[in-house]
PDB file of all heavy atoms in Angstrom:
ATOM      1  N   ASP A   1      -8.199 -14.442  -4.554  1.00  0.00           N
ATOM      2  CA  ASP A   1      -7.587 -15.630  -4.362  1.00  0.00           C
ATOM      3  C   ASP A   1      -8.397 -16.303  -3.201  1.00  0.00           C
ATOM      4  O   ASP A   1      -8.358 -15.956  -1.990  1.00  0.00           O
ATOM      5  CB  ASP A   1      -6.238 -15.611  -3.709  1.00  0.00           C
ATOM      6  CG  ASP A   1      -5.481 -16.877  -3.650  1.00  0.00           C
ATOM      7  OD1 ASP A   1      -6.124 -17.910  -3.603  1.00  0.00           O
ATOM      8  OD2 ASP A   1      -4.216 -16.769  -3.729  1.00  0.00           O
ATOM      9  N   ASP A   2      -9.244 -17.342  -3.582  1.00  0.00           N
ATOM     10  CA  ASP A   2     -10.059 -18.113  -2.515  1.00  0.00           C
ATOM     11  C   ASP A   2      -9.175 -18.724  -1.524  1.00  0.00           C
ATOM     12  O   ASP A   2      -9.711 -19.200  -0.506  1.00  0.00           O
ATOM     13  CB  ASP A   2     -11.062 -19.039  -3.388  1.00  0.00           C
ATOM     14  CG  ASP A   2     -12.099 -18.224  -4.125  1.00  0.00           C
ATOM     15  OD1 ASP A   2     -12.382 -17.076  -3.823  1.00  0.00           O
ATOM     16  OD2 ASP A   2     -12.541 -18.849  -5.060  1.00  0.00           O
ATOM     17  N   ASN A   3      -7.950 -19.187  -1.832  1.00  0.00           N
ATOM     18  CA  ASN A   3      -7.147 -19.945  -0.927  1.00  0.00           C
ATOM     19  C   ASN A   3      -6.140 -19.124  -0.126  1.00  0.00           C
ATOM     20  O   ASN A   3      -5.581 -19.749   0.618  1.00  0.00           O
ATOM     21  CB  ASN A   3      -6.364 -21.082  -1.788  1.00  0.00           C
ATOM     22  CG  ASN A   3      -7.352 -22.004  -2.516  1.00  0.00           C
ATOM     23  OD1 ASN A   3      -8.278 -22.480  -1.925  1.00  0.00           O
ATOM     24  ND2 ASN A   3      -7.155 -22.192  -3.747  1.00  0.00           N
ATOM     25  N   ALA A   4      -6.166 -17.883  -0.309  1.00  0.00           N
ATOM     26  CA  ALA A   4      -5.282 -17.019   0.447  1.00  0.00           C
ATOM     27  C   ALA A   4      -5.512 -17.078   1.930  1.00  0.00           C
ATOM     28  O   ALA A   4      -6.744 -17.014   2.365  1.00  0.00           O
ATOM     29  CB  ALA A   4      -5.281 -15.602  -0.010  1.00  0.00           C
ATOM     30  N   ALA A   5      -4.448 -17.278   2.770  1.00  0.00           N
ATOM     31  CA  ALA A   5      -4.558 -17.249   4.222  1.00  0.00           C
ATOM     32  C   ALA A   5      -4.173 -15.915   4.771  1.00  0.00           C
ATOM     33  O   ALA A   5      -3.699 -14.998   3.902  1.00  0.00           O
ATOM     34  CB  ALA A   5      -3.618 -18.275   4.784  1.00  0.00           C
ATOM     35  N   ALA A   6      -4.120 -15.832   6.007  1.00  0.00           N
ATOM     36  CA  ALA A   6      -3.741 -14.430   6.712  1.00  0.00           C
ATOM     37  C   ALA A   6      -2.274 -14.145   6.299  1.00  0.00           C
ATOM     38  O   ALA A   6      -2.075 -12.919   6.072  1.00  0.00           O
ATOM     39  CB  ALA A   6      -3.912 -14.533   8.158  1.00  0.00           C
ATOM     40  N   ALA A   7      -1.394 -15.015   6.299  1.00  0.00           N
ATOM     41  CA  ALA A   7       0.054 -14.796   5.911  1.00  0.00           C
ATOM     42  C   ALA A   7       0.089 -14.211   4.461  1.00  0.00           C
ATOM     43  O   ALA A   7       0.835 -13.264   4.164  1.00  0.00           O
ATOM     44  CB  ALA A   7       0.778 -16.017   5.993  1.00  0.00           C
ATOM     45  N   ASP A   8      -0.812 -14.770   3.547  1.00  0.00           N
ATOM     46  CA  ASP A   8      -0.793 -14.312   2.104  1.00  0.00           C
ATOM     47  C   ASP A   8      -1.314 -12.873   2.142  1.00  0.00           C
ATOM     48  O   ASP A   8      -0.808 -11.987   1.361  1.00  0.00           O
ATOM     49  CB  ASP A   8      -1.682 -15.213   1.318  1.00  0.00           C
ATOM     50  CG  ASP A   8      -1.143 -16.598   1.258  1.00  0.00           C
ATOM     51  OD1 ASP A   8       0.107 -16.841   1.038  1.00  0.00           O
ATOM     52  OD2 ASP A   8      -1.936 -17.512   1.466  1.00  0.00           O
ATOM     53  N   MET A   9      -2.371 -12.472   2.867  1.00  0.00           N
ATOM     54  CA  MET A   9      -2.833 -11.185   3.024  1.00  0.00           C
ATOM     55  C   MET A   9      -1.879 -10.200   3.489  1.00  0.00           C
ATOM     56  O   MET A   9      -1.762  -9.137   3.078  1.00  0.00           O
ATOM     57  CB  MET A   9      -4.186 -11.230   3.858  1.00  0.00           C
ATOM     58  CG  MET A   9      -4.924  -9.868   3.858  1.00  0.00           C
ATOM     59  SD  MET A   9      -5.566  -9.450   2.154  1.00  0.00           S
ATOM     60  CE  MET A   9      -6.339  -7.851   2.541  1.00  0.00           C
ATOM     61  N   ASP A  10      -1.131 -10.703   4.502  1.00  0.00           N
ATOM     62  CA  ASP A  10      -0.051  -9.767   5.057  1.00  0.00           C
ATOM     63  C   ASP A  10       0.964  -9.479   3.895  1.00  0.00           C
ATOM     64  O   ASP A  10       1.379  -8.336   3.794  1.00  0.00           O
ATOM     65  CB  ASP A  10       0.530 -10.403   6.198  1.00  0.00           C
ATOM     66  CG  ASP A  10       1.679  -9.527   6.849  1.00  0.00           C
ATOM     67  OD1 ASP A  10       1.226  -8.406   7.203  1.00  0.00           O
ATOM     68  OD2 ASP A  10       2.756  -9.960   7.007  1.00  0.00           O
ATOM     69  N   ALA A  11       1.434 -10.490   3.226  1.00  0.00           N
ATOM     70  CA  ALA A  11       2.470 -10.252   2.134  1.00  0.00           C
ATOM     71  C   ALA A  11       1.905  -9.395   1.079  1.00  0.00           C
ATOM     72  O   ALA A  11       2.548  -8.411   0.618  1.00  0.00           O
ATOM     73  CB  ALA A  11       2.931 -11.595   1.610  1.00  0.00           C
ATOM     74  N   TYR A  12       0.619  -9.558   0.769  1.00  0.00           N
ATOM     75  CA  TYR A  12      -0.101  -8.819  -0.382  1.00  0.00           C
ATOM     76  C   TYR A  12      -0.145  -7.449   0.182  1.00  0.00           C
ATOM     77  O   TYR A  12       0.138  -6.351  -0.465  1.00  0.00           O
ATOM     78  CB  TYR A  12      -1.519  -9.246  -0.650  1.00  0.00           C
ATOM     79  CG  TYR A  12      -2.230  -8.591  -1.543  1.00  0.00           C
ATOM     80  CD1 TYR A  12      -1.862  -8.336  -2.867  1.00  0.00           C
ATOM     81  CD2 TYR A  12      -3.510  -8.085  -1.215  1.00  0.00           C
ATOM     82  CE1 TYR A  12      -2.644  -7.702  -3.686  1.00  0.00           C
ATOM     83  CE2 TYR A  12      -4.252  -7.358  -2.060  1.00  0.00           C
ATOM     84  CZ  TYR A  12      -3.864  -7.172  -3.334  1.00  0.00           C
ATOM     85  OH  TYR A  12      -4.581  -6.372  -4.147  1.00  0.00           O
ATOM     86  N   THR A  13      -0.514  -7.232   1.453  1.00  0.00           N
ATOM     87  CA  THR A  13      -0.718  -5.725   2.011  1.00  0.00           C
ATOM     88  C   THR A  13       0.662  -5.089   1.908  1.00  0.00           C
ATOM     89  O   THR A  13       0.710  -4.010   1.484  1.00  0.00           O
ATOM     90  CB  THR A  13      -1.177  -5.873   3.380  1.00  0.00           C
ATOM     91  OG1 THR A  13      -2.500  -6.388   3.402  1.00  0.00           O
ATOM     92  CG2 THR A  13      -1.325  -4.423   4.130  1.00  0.00           C
ATOM     93  N   GLN A  14       1.629  -5.690   2.367  1.00  0.00           N
ATOM     94  CA  GLN A  14       2.995  -5.073   2.311  1.00  0.00           C
ATOM     95  C   GLN A  14       3.416  -4.623   0.909  1.00  0.00           C
ATOM     96  O   GLN A  14       4.087  -3.651   0.583  1.00  0.00           O
ATOM     97  CB  GLN A  14       4.089  -5.993   3.019  1.00  0.00           C
ATOM     98  CG  GLN A  14       3.857  -6.328   4.539  1.00  0.00           C
ATOM     99  CD  GLN A  14       3.637  -5.067   5.321  1.00  0.00           C
ATOM    100  OE1 GLN A  14       4.264  -4.087   5.091  1.00  0.00           O
ATOM    101  NE2 GLN A  14       2.575  -5.156   6.114  1.00  0.00           N
ATOM    102  N   ALA A  15       3.159  -5.622  -0.021  1.00  0.00           N
ATOM    103  CA  ALA A  15       3.460  -5.308  -1.471  1.00  0.00           C
ATOM    104  C   ALA A  15       2.704  -4.190  -2.002  1.00  0.00           C
ATOM    105  O   ALA A  15       3.248  -3.286  -2.770  1.00  0.00           O
ATOM    106  CB  ALA A  15       3.217  -6.540  -2.273  1.00  0.00           C
ATOM    107  N   CYS A  16       1.412  -4.111  -1.613  1.00  0.00           N
ATOM    108  CA  CYS A  16       0.620  -2.946  -2.048  1.00  0.00           C
ATOM    109  C   CYS A  16       1.101  -1.685  -1.522  1.00  0.00           C
ATOM    110  O   CYS A  16       1.023  -0.684  -2.155  1.00  0.00           O
ATOM    111  CB  CYS A  16      -0.862  -3.233  -1.671  1.00  0.00           C
ATOM    112  SG  CYS A  16      -1.721  -4.595  -2.484  1.00  0.00           S
ATOM    113  N   VAL A  17       1.457  -1.577  -0.264  1.00  0.00           N
ATOM    114  CA  VAL A  17       1.886  -0.420   0.366  1.00  0.00           C
ATOM    115  C   VAL A  17       3.270   0.082  -0.226  1.00  0.00           C
ATOM    116  O   VAL A  17       3.328   1.271  -0.597  1.00  0.00           O
ATOM    117  CB  VAL A  17       2.090  -0.604   2.026  1.00  0.00           C
ATOM    118  CG1 VAL A  17       2.861   0.498   2.422  1.00  0.00           C
ATOM    119  CG2 VAL A  17       0.802  -0.725   2.608  1.00  0.00           C
ATOM    120  N   THR A  18       4.062  -0.902  -0.453  1.00  0.00           N
ATOM    121  CA  THR A  18       5.392  -0.533  -1.159  1.00  0.00           C
ATOM    122  C   THR A  18       5.018  -0.029  -2.648  1.00  0.00           C
ATOM    123  O   THR A  18       5.634   1.057  -2.927  1.00  0.00           O
ATOM    124  CB  THR A  18       6.290  -1.764  -1.283  1.00  0.00           C
ATOM    125  OG1 THR A  18       6.544  -2.224   0.070  1.00  0.00           O
ATOM    126  CG2 THR A  18       7.423  -1.487  -2.059  1.00  0.00           C
ATOM    127  N   TRP A  19       4.222  -0.583  -3.281  1.00  0.00           N
ATOM    128  CA  TRP A  19       3.859  -0.266  -4.556  1.00  0.00           C
ATOM    129  C   TRP A  19       3.241   1.247  -4.662  1.00  0.00           C
ATOM    130  O   TRP A  19       3.649   2.106  -5.389  1.00  0.00           O
ATOM    131  CB  TRP A  19       2.938  -1.138  -5.380  1.00  0.00           C
ATOM    132  CG  TRP A  19       2.623  -0.810  -6.766  1.00  0.00           C
ATOM    133  CD1 TRP A  19       3.274  -1.182  -7.821  1.00  0.00           C
ATOM    134  CD2 TRP A  19       1.664   0.076  -7.215  1.00  0.00           C
ATOM    135  NE1 TRP A  19       2.839  -0.588  -9.039  1.00  0.00           N
ATOM    136  CE2 TRP A  19       1.686   0.166  -8.619  1.00  0.00           C
ATOM    137  CE3 TRP A  19       0.676   0.923  -6.626  1.00  0.00           C
ATOM    138  CZ2 TRP A  19       0.901   0.996  -9.403  1.00  0.00           C
ATOM    139  CZ3 TRP A  19      -0.152   1.677  -7.385  1.00  0.00           C
ATOM    140  CH2 TRP A  19      -0.025   1.743  -8.747  1.00  0.00           C
ATOM    141  N   ALA A  20       2.290   1.323  -3.762  1.00  0.00           N
ATOM    142  CA  ALA A  20       1.606   2.745  -3.699  1.00  0.00           C
ATOM    143  C   ALA A  20       2.528   3.857  -3.309  1.00  0.00           C
ATOM    144  O   ALA A  20       2.548   4.929  -3.980  1.00  0.00           O
ATOM    145  CB  ALA A  20       0.474   2.630  -2.768  1.00  0.00           C
ATOM    146  N   LEU A  21       3.353   3.569  -2.271  1.00  0.00           N
ATOM    147  CA  LEU A  21       4.196   4.649  -1.961  1.00  0.00           C
ATOM    148  C   LEU A  21       5.390   4.851  -2.956  1.00  0.00           C
ATOM    149  O   LEU A  21       5.795   6.039  -3.138  1.00  0.00           O
ATOM    150  CB  LEU A  21       4.914   4.250  -0.586  1.00  0.00           C
ATOM    151  CG  LEU A  21       3.916   4.283   0.579  1.00  0.00           C
ATOM    152  CD1 LEU A  21       4.601   3.899   1.891  1.00  0.00           C
ATOM    153  CD2 LEU A  21       3.032   5.526   0.752  1.00  0.00           C
ATOM    154  N   SER A  22       5.711   3.934  -3.699  1.00  0.00           N
ATOM    155  CA  SER A  22       6.700   4.145  -4.906  1.00  0.00           C
ATOM    156  C   SER A  22       5.900   4.760  -6.167  1.00  0.00           C
ATOM    157  O   SER A  22       6.779   5.469  -6.762  1.00  0.00           O
ATOM    158  CB  SER A  22       7.143   2.814  -5.281  1.00  0.00           C
ATOM    159  OG  SER A  22       7.917   2.182  -4.148  1.00  0.00           O
ATOM    160  N   ASN A  23       4.735   4.725  -6.244  1.00  0.00           N
ATOM    161  CA  ASN A  23       4.038   5.216  -7.330  1.00  0.00           C
ATOM    162  C   ASN A  23       3.229   6.626  -7.061  1.00  0.00           C
ATOM    163  O   ASN A  23       2.757   7.197  -7.931  1.00  0.00           O
ATOM    164  CB  ASN A  23       3.108   4.209  -8.024  1.00  0.00           C
ATOM    165  CG  ASN A  23       3.855   3.142  -8.768  1.00  0.00           C
ATOM    166  OD1 ASN A  23       4.279   3.326  -9.873  1.00  0.00           O
ATOM    167  ND2 ASN A  23       4.111   2.009  -8.047  1.00  0.00           N
ATOM    168  N   TYR A  24       3.192   7.093  -5.829  1.00  0.00           N
ATOM    169  CA  TYR A  24       2.553   8.217  -5.528  1.00  0.00           C
ATOM    170  C   TYR A  24       3.430   9.392  -6.035  1.00  0.00           C
ATOM    171  O   TYR A  24       4.604   9.527  -5.989  1.00  0.00           O
ATOM    172  CB  TYR A  24       2.517   8.394  -4.009  1.00  0.00           C
ATOM    173  CG  TYR A  24       2.295   9.828  -3.494  1.00  0.00           C
ATOM    174  CD1 TYR A  24       0.978  10.314  -3.619  1.00  0.00           C
ATOM    175  CD2 TYR A  24       3.181  10.520  -2.933  1.00  0.00           C
ATOM    176  CE1 TYR A  24       0.678  11.661  -3.158  1.00  0.00           C
ATOM    177  CE2 TYR A  24       2.989  11.889  -2.630  1.00  0.00           C
ATOM    178  CZ  TYR A  24       1.633  12.295  -2.685  1.00  0.00           C
ATOM    179  OH  TYR A  24       1.410  13.691  -2.242  1.00  0.00           O
ATOM    180  N   GLN A  25       2.679  10.260  -6.713  1.00  0.00           N
ATOM    181  CA  GLN A  25       3.336  11.566  -7.229  1.00  0.00           C
ATOM    182  C   GLN A  25       2.444  12.761  -6.597  1.00  0.00           C
ATOM    183  O   GLN A  25       1.408  12.772  -6.409  1.00  0.00           O
ATOM    184  CB  GLN A  25       3.255  11.552  -8.706  1.00  0.00           C
ATOM    185  CG  GLN A  25       4.021  10.425  -9.344  1.00  0.00           C
ATOM    186  CD  GLN A  25       3.835  10.441 -10.864  1.00  0.00           C
ATOM    187  OE1 GLN A  25       3.188  11.222 -11.444  1.00  0.00           O
ATOM    188  NE2 GLN A  25       4.616   9.595 -11.440  1.00  0.00           N
ATOM    189  N   GLY A  26       3.255  13.767  -6.224  1.00  0.00           N
ATOM    190  CA  GLY A  26       2.605  14.935  -5.683  1.00  0.00           C
ATOM    191  C   GLY A  26       3.713  15.470  -4.576  1.00  0.00           C
ATOM    192  O   GLY A  26       4.697  15.192  -4.452  1.00  0.00           O
ATOM    193  N   LEU A  27       3.031  16.507  -3.818  1.00  0.00           N
ATOM    194  CA  LEU A  27       3.792  16.952  -2.819  1.00  0.00           C
ATOM    195  C   LEU A  27       4.126  15.989  -1.783  1.00  0.00           C
ATOM    196  O   LEU A  27       3.622  14.874  -1.750  1.00  0.00           O
ATOM    197  CB  LEU A  27       2.934  18.146  -2.052  1.00  0.00           C
ATOM    198  CG  LEU A  27       2.636  19.365  -2.757  1.00  0.00           C
ATOM    199  CD1 LEU A  27       1.684  20.166  -1.977  1.00  0.00           C
ATOM    200  CD2 LEU A  27       3.876  20.095  -2.990  1.00  0.00           C
ATOM    201  N   PRO A  28       5.270  16.090  -1.182  1.00  0.00           N
ATOM    202  CA  PRO A  28       5.647  15.118  -0.008  1.00  0.00           C
ATOM    203  C   PRO A  28       4.558  14.856   0.879  1.00  0.00           C
ATOM    204  O   PRO A  28       3.879  15.758   1.286  1.00  0.00           O
ATOM    205  CB  PRO A  28       6.924  15.827   0.615  1.00  0.00           C
ATOM    206  CG  PRO A  28       7.448  16.800  -0.400  1.00  0.00           C
ATOM    207  CD  PRO A  28       6.292  17.248  -1.160  1.00  0.00           C
ATOM    208  N   ARG A  29       4.551  13.554   1.260  1.00  0.00           N
ATOM    209  CA  ARG A  29       3.360  13.195   2.248  1.00  0.00           C
ATOM    210  C   ARG A  29       3.644  13.923   3.449  1.00  0.00           C
ATOM    211  O   ARG A  29       4.814  14.183   3.928  1.00  0.00           O
ATOM    212  CB  ARG A  29       3.585  11.632   2.474  1.00  0.00           C
ATOM    213  CG  ARG A  29       3.138  10.786   1.289  1.00  0.00           C
ATOM    214  CD  ARG A  29       3.102   9.453   1.662  1.00  0.00           C
ATOM    215  NE  ARG A  29       4.077   8.923   2.797  1.00  0.00           N
ATOM    216  CZ  ARG A  29       5.087   8.192   2.601  1.00  0.00           C
ATOM    217  NH1 ARG A  29       5.371   7.678   1.450  1.00  0.00           N
ATOM    218  NH2 ARG A  29       5.679   7.802   3.638  1.00  0.00           N
ATOM    219  N   GLY A  30       2.681  14.404   4.203  1.00  0.00           N
ATOM    220  CA  GLY A  30       2.638  15.096   5.373  1.00  0.00           C
ATOM    221  C   GLY A  30       2.529  16.566   5.130  1.00  0.00           C
ATOM    222  O   GLY A  30       2.125  17.277   6.070  1.00  0.00           O
ATOM    223  N   LEU A  31       2.708  17.181   3.924  1.00  0.00           N
ATOM    224  CA  LEU A  31       2.554  18.520   3.683  1.00  0.00           C
ATOM    225  C   LEU A  31       1.153  18.670   3.055  1.00  0.00           C
ATOM    226  O   LEU A  31       0.971  18.934   1.880  1.00  0.00           O
ATOM    227  CB  LEU A  31       3.579  19.092   2.735  1.00  0.00           C
ATOM    228  CG  LEU A  31       4.917  19.069   3.195  1.00  0.00           C
ATOM    229  CD1 LEU A  31       6.122  19.428   2.033  1.00  0.00           C
ATOM    230  CD2 LEU A  31       5.175  19.851   4.406  1.00  0.00           C
ATOM    231  N   GLN A  32       0.097  18.435   3.976  1.00  0.00           N
ATOM    232  CA  GLN A  32      -1.353  18.594   3.445  1.00  0.00           C
ATOM    233  C   GLN A  32      -1.662  17.519   2.492  1.00  0.00           C
ATOM    234  O   GLN A  32      -2.702  17.527   1.735  1.00  0.00           O
ATOM    235  CB  GLN A  32      -1.565  19.874   2.910  1.00  0.00           C
ATOM    236  CG  GLN A  32      -1.516  20.971   3.976  1.00  0.00           C
ATOM    237  CD  GLN A  32      -2.249  20.769   5.299  1.00  0.00           C
ATOM    238  OE1 GLN A  32      -1.626  20.415   6.324  1.00  0.00           O
ATOM    239  NE2 GLN A  32      -3.631  20.961   5.222  1.00  0.00           N
ATOM    240  N   LYS A  33      -0.792  16.417   2.463  1.00  0.00           N
ATOM    241  CA  LYS A  33      -1.085  15.286   1.509  1.00  0.00           C
ATOM    242  C   LYS A  33      -0.991  14.007   2.290  1.00  0.00           C
ATOM    243  O   LYS A  33      -0.182  13.884   3.202  1.00  0.00           O
ATOM    244  CB  LYS A  33       0.045  15.217   0.402  1.00  0.00           C
ATOM    245  CG  LYS A  33      -0.065  16.539  -0.576  1.00  0.00           C
ATOM    246  CD  LYS A  33      -1.188  16.411  -1.425  1.00  0.00           C
ATOM    247  CE  LYS A  33      -1.190  17.478  -2.394  1.00  0.00           C
ATOM    248  NZ  LYS A  33      -2.153  17.493  -3.331  1.00  0.00           N
ATOM    249  N   GLY A  34      -1.805  13.027   2.034  1.00  0.00           N
ATOM    250  CA  GLY A  34      -1.773  11.723   2.643  1.00  0.00           C
ATOM    251  C   GLY A  34      -1.950  10.607   1.587  1.00  0.00           C
ATOM    252  O   GLY A  34      -2.613  10.919   0.624  1.00  0.00           O
ATOM    253  N   VAL A  35      -1.581   9.481   1.785  1.00  0.00           N
ATOM    254  CA  VAL A  35      -1.839   8.342   0.930  1.00  0.00           C
ATOM    255  C   VAL A  35      -2.543   7.281   1.693  1.00  0.00           C
ATOM    256  O   VAL A  35      -2.084   6.760   2.844  1.00  0.00           O
ATOM    257  CB  VAL A  35      -0.460   7.741   0.390  1.00  0.00           C
ATOM    258  CG1 VAL A  35      -0.664   6.561  -0.414  1.00  0.00           C
ATOM    259  CG2 VAL A  35       0.259   8.925  -0.350  1.00  0.00           C
ATOM    260  N   GLY A  36      -3.663   6.846   1.007  1.00  0.00           N
ATOM    261  CA  GLY A  36      -4.472   5.689   1.654  1.00  0.00           C
ATOM    262  C   GLY A  36      -4.242   4.444   0.719  1.00  0.00           C
ATOM    263  O   GLY A  36      -4.405   4.603  -0.549  1.00  0.00           O
ATOM    264  N   VAL A  37      -3.792   3.436   1.233  1.00  0.00           N
ATOM    265  CA  VAL A  37      -3.760   2.125   0.469  1.00  0.00           C
ATOM    266  C   VAL A  37      -4.703   1.172   0.914  1.00  0.00           C
ATOM    267  O   VAL A  37      -4.780   0.713   2.141  1.00  0.00           O
ATOM    268  CB  VAL A  37      -2.244   1.573   0.642  1.00  0.00           C
ATOM    269  CG1 VAL A  37      -2.047   0.337  -0.202  1.00  0.00           C
ATOM    270  CG2 VAL A  37      -1.251   2.630   0.462  1.00  0.00           C
ATOM    271  N   TYR A  38      -5.448   0.622   0.013  1.00  0.00           N
ATOM    272  CA  TYR A  38      -6.609  -0.324   0.332  1.00  0.00           C
ATOM    273  C   TYR A  38      -6.230  -1.676  -0.408  1.00  0.00           C
ATOM    274  O   TYR A  38      -6.714  -1.774  -1.451  1.00  0.00           O
ATOM    275  CB  TYR A  38      -7.892   0.242  -0.140  1.00  0.00           C
ATOM    276  CG  TYR A  38      -8.402   1.498   0.421  1.00  0.00           C
ATOM    277  CD1 TYR A  38      -7.831   2.707   0.024  1.00  0.00           C
ATOM    278  CD2 TYR A  38      -9.250   1.520   1.587  1.00  0.00           C
ATOM    279  CE1 TYR A  38      -8.165   3.940   0.640  1.00  0.00           C
ATOM    280  CE2 TYR A  38      -9.614   2.778   2.051  1.00  0.00           C
ATOM    281  CZ  TYR A  38      -9.090   3.995   1.649  1.00  0.00           C
ATOM    282  OH  TYR A  38      -9.459   5.090   2.118  1.00  0.00           O
TER     283      TYR A  38
END
């Protein structure tokens, strides 16, 4: 999105984190597992 501003990037980041944490499958985070959201 060429027109996205910082507020748009913040909203997108929050949506991405929520999506990734909701879709992560595996051992619970923190038990030798971590999730990176880019």
